[in-house]
């Protein structure tokens, strides 16, 4: 099977975390064709290669599997349901599961702003529905977002930090949808019948996306591969990126070992958007062109995304994060393998 880079990453994840507790279990994974879903799926693939009791996974897809997942489509442990999670007929096809990981939703800002009602429904109504078919004492993991902290100047954001946005915020469909989804998770956790966990993820990146992914990091890679990275603005916004393998290692730890309900899942690689462009340009040996007039800032985008991740460090001992330079090189190498 191809996907050498992804499989190498997931071999390290499985070695560090261990998925034996899930052997023989039924798992539902939404958002399986996204970046995080890809690494969750390949983690199971790696584990199942030598498992006495394989993990059986059901995924929901509303379009064709991307090229990097087509090989997994033939695995006996994988069941694929075709449908749209924002619609009742798809939800009604689902069964009962030992574990549900709800990673579905539009993570790309331009997509969730173009699909606001679906974005809101997937994170609210769908989240409530999915909390139902978890077996007693089963586990549920909701992939939330650092965008809940939007409007706060209390940086770095701790899990107790309050975000301050209004329902008419340009990104409200995503922010308020995730906030409501978290509320459902907390209600079910308080009931005590299932173990419900929340992971607020920020700026995961790496191999395993579709070619049309428009997030800024992938946009820079595609522009650089074409010969030049043209900035849309000054790139002054600040970000802290996290390589997807580190993100998913933390997600498995939260699902299987988490003592609390809510966790920040981010990285340690601080940079500005301009600094990110410069790093990618250096890897690709191309230039960075600045605009004469900046006019491309994403509506409502935060100026600084920086989370306190001390909880995962203290609870799981996670301190070994891949550097931004090494993560970008692995991502560029993967792009060259699949899209050139």
Protein backbone atom coordinates (compact mmCIF):
# COMPACT_ATOMS: atom_id res chain seq x y z
CA UNK A 1 0.00 0.00 0.00
CA UNK A 2 1.18 3.54 -0.73
CA UNK A 3 0.96 6.44 1.72
CA UNK A 4 4.41 5.71 3.15
CA UNK A 5 4.56 9.01 5.03
CA UNK A 6 1.11 8.65 6.62
CA UNK A 7 1.73 5.01 7.57
CA UNK A 8 5.10 5.87 9.13
CA UNK A 9 3.43 8.58 11.20
CA UNK A 10 0.62 6.26 12.30
CA UNK A 11 3.03 3.47 13.24
CA UNK A 12 4.58 5.91 15.72
CA UNK A 13 1.14 6.94 17.01
CA UNK A 14 0.06 3.35 17.65
CA UNK A 15 3.39 2.53 19.34
CA UNK A 16 3.02 5.51 21.68
CA UNK A 17 -0.67 5.20 22.49
CA UNK A 18 -1.63 1.57 22.01
CA UNK A 19 -5.11 0.78 20.73
CA UNK A 20 -5.48 -2.68 22.29
CA UNK A 21 -8.44 -1.53 24.37
CA UNK A 22 -10.40 -1.06 21.13
CA UNK A 23 -9.65 -4.54 19.77
CA UNK A 24 -12.88 -6.24 18.72
CA UNK A 25 -14.89 -3.03 19.23
CA UNK A 26 -17.30 -1.34 16.82
CA UNK A 27 -16.30 2.25 16.06
CA UNK A 28 -18.17 4.92 14.12
CA UNK A 29 -15.98 7.66 12.65
CA UNK A 30 -17.51 10.72 11.01
CA UNK A 31 -15.35 13.08 8.99
CA UNK A 32 -13.17 10.14 8.01
CA UNK A 33 -12.07 11.65 4.71
CA UNK A 34 -10.68 14.80 6.32
CA UNK A 35 -7.16 15.38 7.61
CA UNK A 36 -7.76 14.16 11.16
CA UNK A 37 -10.08 11.38 10.02
CA UNK A 38 -7.42 10.11 7.63
CA UNK A 39 -4.89 9.71 10.44
CA UNK A 40 -7.45 8.12 12.74
CA UNK A 41 -8.29 5.59 10.02
CA UNK A 42 -4.67 4.81 9.22
CA UNK A 43 -3.96 4.37 12.94
CA UNK A 44 -6.60 1.61 12.93
CA UNK A 45 -5.11 0.16 9.72
CA UNK A 46 -1.68 -0.08 11.35
CA UNK A 47 -3.11 -1.62 14.52
CA UNK A 48 -5.22 -4.15 12.61
CA UNK A 49 -2.24 -5.41 10.62
CA UNK A 50 -1.15 -7.49 13.61
CA UNK A 51 -4.20 -7.44 15.90
CA UNK A 52 -5.75 -10.67 17.16
CA UNK A 53 -9.06 -8.82 17.47
CA UNK A 54 -9.29 -6.10 14.79
CA UNK A 55 -11.07 -2.80 15.36
CA UNK A 56 -14.14 -2.62 13.13
CA UNK A 57 -14.84 0.85 11.79
CA UNK A 58 -17.87 2.36 10.07
CA UNK A 59 -17.42 5.64 8.25
CA UNK A 60 -19.91 7.98 6.58
CA UNK A 61 -18.99 9.56 3.23
CA UNK A 62 -21.00 12.01 1.17
CA UNK A 63 -18.68 11.78 -1.84
CA UNK A 64 -16.02 9.52 -3.34
CA UNK A 65 -13.07 8.53 -1.18
CA UNK A 66 -10.05 10.75 -1.83
CA UNK A 67 -7.09 9.19 -3.59
CA UNK A 68 -5.10 8.60 -0.41
CA UNK A 69 -7.93 6.55 1.16
CA UNK A 70 -8.95 4.42 -1.82
CA UNK A 71 -6.69 1.55 -0.71
CA UNK A 72 -8.46 1.34 2.63
CA UNK A 73 -11.82 0.98 0.92
CA UNK A 74 -11.02 -2.71 0.31
CA UNK A 75 -10.27 -3.55 3.96
CA UNK A 76 -12.63 -6.09 5.54
CA UNK A 77 -12.72 -4.25 8.86
CA UNK A 78 -14.02 -1.07 7.20
CA UNK A 79 -17.72 -0.45 6.49
CA UNK A 80 -18.63 2.57 4.36
CA UNK A 81 -22.06 4.24 4.52
CA UNK A 82 -22.74 6.67 1.70
CA UNK A 83 -24.75 9.69 2.73
CA UNK A 84 -24.87 13.19 4.19
CA UNK A 85 -24.79 13.45 7.98
CA UNK A 86 -26.77 16.66 7.89
CA UNK A 87 -29.78 14.68 6.59
CA UNK A 88 -31.99 12.33 8.62
CA UNK A 89 -31.97 9.35 6.19
CA UNK A 90 -28.21 8.97 6.66
CA UNK A 91 -28.41 9.21 10.43
CA UNK A 92 -31.16 6.59 10.48
CA UNK A 93 -28.83 4.09 8.74
CA UNK A 94 -26.45 4.06 11.70
CA UNK A 95 -26.34 1.28 14.26
CA UNK A 96 -25.10 0.99 17.85
CA UNK A 97 -21.39 1.44 18.58
CA UNK A 98 -18.86 0.98 21.37
CA UNK A 99 -17.09 4.20 20.32
CA UNK A 100 -18.13 7.19 18.24
CA UNK A 101 -15.67 9.83 17.08
CA UNK A 102 -17.51 12.83 15.63
CA UNK A 103 -14.96 14.61 13.44
CA UNK A 104 -17.34 15.68 10.66
CA UNK A 105 -17.83 19.29 9.69
CA UNK A 106 -16.30 21.85 7.39
CA UNK A 107 -12.90 22.78 8.87
CA UNK A 108 -12.07 25.07 5.96
CA UNK A 109 -13.39 28.59 6.68
CA UNK A 110 -14.53 29.30 3.12
CA UNK A 111 -16.47 26.00 3.08
CA UNK A 112 -18.22 26.40 6.41
CA UNK A 113 -19.11 29.99 5.51
CA UNK A 114 -20.54 28.79 2.19
CA UNK A 115 -22.47 25.95 3.90
CA UNK A 116 -23.69 27.62 7.06
CA UNK A 117 -26.88 25.66 7.69
CA UNK A 118 -25.18 22.29 7.13
CA UNK A 119 -22.28 23.36 9.34
CA UNK A 120 -24.65 24.32 12.14
CA UNK A 121 -26.73 21.15 11.80
CA UNK A 122 -23.73 18.77 11.77
CA UNK A 123 -22.38 20.25 14.99
CA UNK A 124 -25.71 20.57 16.82
CA UNK A 125 -28.54 18.25 15.76
CA UNK A 126 -26.16 15.60 14.43
CA UNK A 127 -24.03 15.69 17.59
CA UNK A 128 -27.10 15.18 19.77
CA UNK A 129 -28.26 12.30 17.57
CA UNK A 130 -24.85 10.58 17.59
CA UNK A 131 -24.64 10.65 21.37
CA UNK A 132 -27.64 8.32 21.39
CA UNK A 133 -26.28 5.17 19.69
CA UNK A 134 -23.28 4.81 22.02
CA UNK A 135 -23.45 1.63 24.10
CA UNK A 136 -23.69 1.96 27.88
CA UNK A 137 -20.18 2.70 29.23
CA UNK A 138 -19.10 3.43 25.67
CA UNK A 139 -17.00 6.39 24.55
CA UNK A 140 -17.75 9.51 22.51
CA UNK A 141 -15.19 12.03 21.25
CA UNK A 142 -16.31 15.37 19.81
CA UNK A 143 -13.79 17.23 17.67
CA UNK A 144 -14.36 20.85 18.58
CA UNK A 145 -12.30 23.94 17.79
CA UNK A 146 -10.12 26.71 19.18
CA UNK A 147 -12.51 29.13 17.47
CA UNK A 148 -14.66 28.94 20.61
CA UNK A 149 -12.13 31.33 22.14
CA UNK A 150 -12.77 33.97 19.46
CA UNK A 151 -13.11 37.44 20.94
CA UNK A 152 -11.01 36.71 24.02
CA UNK A 153 -7.71 38.49 24.73
CA UNK A 154 -6.78 35.98 27.43
CA UNK A 155 -3.88 34.43 25.50
CA UNK A 156 -2.79 31.64 25.60
CA UNK A 157 -6.30 30.22 25.80
CA UNK A 158 -6.91 27.78 28.64
CA UNK A 159 -9.80 25.33 28.68
CA UNK A 160 -11.57 27.68 31.12
CA UNK A 161 -11.21 30.76 28.86
CA UNK A 162 -14.47 32.35 27.70
CA UNK A 163 -14.89 33.20 24.03
CA UNK A 164 -16.84 36.35 23.25
CA UNK A 165 -18.77 36.34 19.99
CA UNK A 166 -22.32 37.13 18.94
CA UNK A 167 -24.68 34.98 16.84
CA UNK A 168 -24.25 37.41 13.94
CA UNK A 169 -20.46 36.88 13.86
CA UNK A 170 -19.35 36.01 10.28
CA UNK A 171 -18.20 32.57 11.50
CA UNK A 172 -21.06 32.01 13.95
CA UNK A 173 -22.32 28.88 12.16
CA UNK A 174 -19.04 27.19 13.07
CA UNK A 175 -18.30 28.79 16.44
CA UNK A 176 -21.81 28.55 17.90
CA UNK A 177 -22.38 25.14 16.33
CA UNK A 178 -19.30 23.75 18.08
CA UNK A 179 -20.28 25.49 21.32
CA UNK A 180 -23.71 23.85 21.23
CA UNK A 181 -22.15 20.49 20.37
CA UNK A 182 -19.96 20.78 23.44
CA UNK A 183 -23.02 21.53 25.57
CA UNK A 184 -24.61 18.25 24.42
CA UNK A 185 -21.40 16.37 25.25
CA UNK A 186 -21.31 17.83 28.75
CA UNK A 187 -24.95 16.92 29.38
CA UNK A 188 -24.36 13.30 28.35
CA UNK A 189 -21.14 13.13 30.37
CA UNK A 190 -22.99 14.32 33.47
CA UNK A 191 -25.55 11.54 32.98
CA UNK A 192 -22.74 9.04 33.52
CA UNK A 193 -23.92 6.39 31.06
CA UNK A 194 -21.18 7.11 28.51
CA UNK A 195 -17.72 8.66 28.61
CA UNK A 196 -18.02 11.85 26.58
CA UNK A 197 -14.88 13.84 25.70
CA UNK A 198 -14.22 17.11 23.87
CA UNK A 199 -11.04 18.03 21.97
CA UNK A 200 -10.64 21.67 20.95
CA UNK A 201 -8.32 21.35 17.99
CA UNK A 202 -6.30 24.21 16.50
CA UNK A 203 -4.43 24.36 13.22
CA UNK A 204 -3.62 20.72 12.57
CA UNK A 205 -1.77 20.27 9.27
CA UNK A 206 0.02 17.57 7.33
CA UNK A 207 -0.51 14.92 4.64
CA UNK A 208 -3.98 13.56 3.97
CA UNK A 209 -6.12 16.31 2.44
CA UNK A 210 -7.95 16.69 -0.83
CA UNK A 211 -6.35 18.74 -3.59
CA UNK A 212 -9.09 21.36 -3.28
CA UNK A 213 -8.31 22.09 0.39
CA UNK A 214 -8.14 25.90 0.53
CA UNK A 215 -6.68 26.46 4.00
CA UNK A 216 -3.80 28.90 3.91
CA UNK A 217 -1.00 26.39 4.53
CA UNK A 218 -2.09 24.15 1.66
CA UNK A 219 -2.75 27.17 -0.53
CA UNK A 220 0.86 28.26 0.01
CA UNK A 221 2.15 24.80 -0.90
CA UNK A 222 0.12 24.69 -4.10
CA UNK A 223 1.19 28.21 -5.06
CA UNK A 224 4.82 27.37 -4.32
CA UNK A 225 4.69 24.23 -6.42
CA UNK A 226 3.47 26.46 -9.26
CA UNK A 227 6.52 28.70 -8.83
CA UNK A 228 5.66 31.60 -6.51
CA UNK A 229 3.75 32.26 -3.28
CA UNK A 230 1.61 35.34 -3.70
CA UNK A 231 0.30 36.74 -0.42
CA UNK A 232 -3.20 38.20 -0.20
CA UNK A 233 -2.34 40.44 2.77
CA UNK A 234 0.59 41.27 5.03
CA UNK A 235 0.37 37.93 6.81
CA UNK A 236 0.64 39.51 10.25
CA UNK A 237 -1.88 37.18 11.95
CA UNK A 238 -0.25 34.81 14.46
CA UNK A 239 -0.72 31.07 14.53
CA UNK A 240 0.57 27.98 16.39
CA UNK A 241 0.57 24.95 14.09
CA UNK A 242 0.48 21.28 15.09
CA UNK A 243 1.52 18.39 12.85
CA UNK A 244 -1.44 16.06 12.40
CA UNK A 245 0.32 13.01 13.86
CA UNK A 246 0.83 14.90 17.13
CA UNK A 247 -2.79 16.04 17.05
CA UNK A 248 -4.13 12.52 16.53
CA UNK A 249 -1.84 11.03 19.18
CA UNK A 250 -3.45 13.45 21.63
CA UNK A 251 -6.94 12.59 20.38
CA UNK A 252 -6.45 8.87 20.99
CA UNK A 253 -5.08 9.65 24.47
CA UNK A 254 -8.09 11.82 25.28
CA UNK A 255 -10.54 9.19 24.07
CA UNK A 256 -8.90 6.27 25.87
CA UNK A 257 -7.24 7.80 28.92
CA UNK A 258 -8.70 11.25 29.49
CA UNK A 259 -9.68 12.00 33.09
CA UNK A 260 -11.44 15.26 32.28
CA UNK A 261 -14.02 16.19 29.62
CA UNK A 262 -12.45 19.10 27.70
CA UNK A 263 -8.91 19.38 26.33
CA UNK A 264 -7.01 21.85 24.16
CA UNK A 265 -5.17 20.10 21.32
CA UNK A 266 -2.65 22.36 19.64
CA UNK A 267 1.02 22.68 18.86
CA UNK A 268 4.16 24.57 19.85
CA UNK A 269 5.24 25.94 16.45
CA UNK A 270 4.61 29.68 16.65
CA UNK A 271 4.67 31.75 13.46
CA UNK A 272 2.96 34.52 11.57
CA UNK A 273 1.17 33.74 8.32
CA UNK A 274 4.01 35.54 6.52
CA UNK A 275 6.54 33.45 8.42
CA UNK A 276 4.69 30.32 7.33
CA UNK A 277 4.86 31.44 3.71
CA UNK A 278 8.60 32.08 4.04
CA UNK A 279 9.22 28.59 5.47
CA UNK A 280 7.28 26.90 2.67
CA UNK A 281 9.00 29.07 0.06
CA UNK A 282 12.40 28.05 1.42
CA UNK A 283 11.52 24.35 1.19
CA UNK A 284 10.30 24.79 -2.40
CA UNK A 285 13.04 27.26 -3.35
CA UNK A 286 10.59 29.89 -4.58
CA UNK A 287 9.85 33.52 -3.77
CA UNK A 288 7.14 35.22 -1.70
CA UNK A 289 5.32 38.14 -3.31
CA UNK A 290 3.60 40.72 -1.12
CA UNK A 291 0.48 42.59 -2.34
CA UNK A 292 0.60 46.31 -2.96
CA UNK A 293 -2.71 46.59 -1.12
CA UNK A 294 -3.86 43.89 1.28
CA UNK A 295 -7.42 42.85 0.50
CA UNK A 296 -7.62 39.14 1.14
CA UNK A 297 -8.07 38.69 4.89
CA UNK A 298 -10.66 36.05 5.75
CA UNK A 299 -13.77 37.64 7.25
CA UNK A 300 -13.86 37.29 11.04
CA UNK A 301 -10.58 35.36 11.23
CA UNK A 302 -8.77 35.66 14.59
CA UNK A 303 -5.57 37.69 14.79
CA UNK A 304 -3.91 35.24 17.15
CA UNK A 305 -4.53 31.52 17.71
CA UNK A 306 -2.51 30.28 20.68
CA UNK A 307 -3.79 27.67 23.14
CA UNK A 308 -2.40 26.51 26.46
CA UNK A 309 -1.76 22.77 26.01
CA UNK A 310 -0.37 22.08 29.47
CA UNK A 311 -3.27 19.73 30.30
CA UNK A 312 -2.29 17.14 27.67
CA UNK A 313 1.36 17.56 28.66
CA UNK A 314 0.63 16.99 32.36
CA UNK A 315 -1.88 14.17 31.87
CA UNK A 316 -0.36 12.24 28.96
CA UNK A 317 3.28 13.36 29.11
CA UNK A 318 3.12 14.71 25.56
CA UNK A 319 6.20 16.88 24.95
CA UNK A 320 7.67 15.56 21.68
CA UNK A 321 6.12 17.67 18.92
CA UNK A 322 7.44 17.59 15.36
CA UNK A 323 9.00 20.90 14.36
CA UNK A 324 7.18 23.08 11.84
CA UNK A 325 10.04 22.77 9.37
CA UNK A 326 10.05 18.97 9.48
CA UNK A 327 6.26 18.80 9.35
CA UNK A 328 6.13 21.09 6.33
CA UNK A 329 8.76 19.00 4.54
CA UNK A 330 6.73 15.84 5.11
CA UNK A 331 3.60 17.59 3.88
CA UNK A 332 5.33 18.91 0.74
CA UNK A 333 6.81 15.46 0.02
CA UNK A 334 3.33 13.93 0.30
CA UNK A 335 1.89 16.59 -2.05
CA UNK A 336 4.58 15.79 -4.60
CA UNK A 337 3.72 12.10 -4.38
CA UNK A 338 -0.01 12.52 -4.97
CA UNK A 339 -0.60 15.71 -6.89
CA UNK A 340 2.36 16.21 -9.22
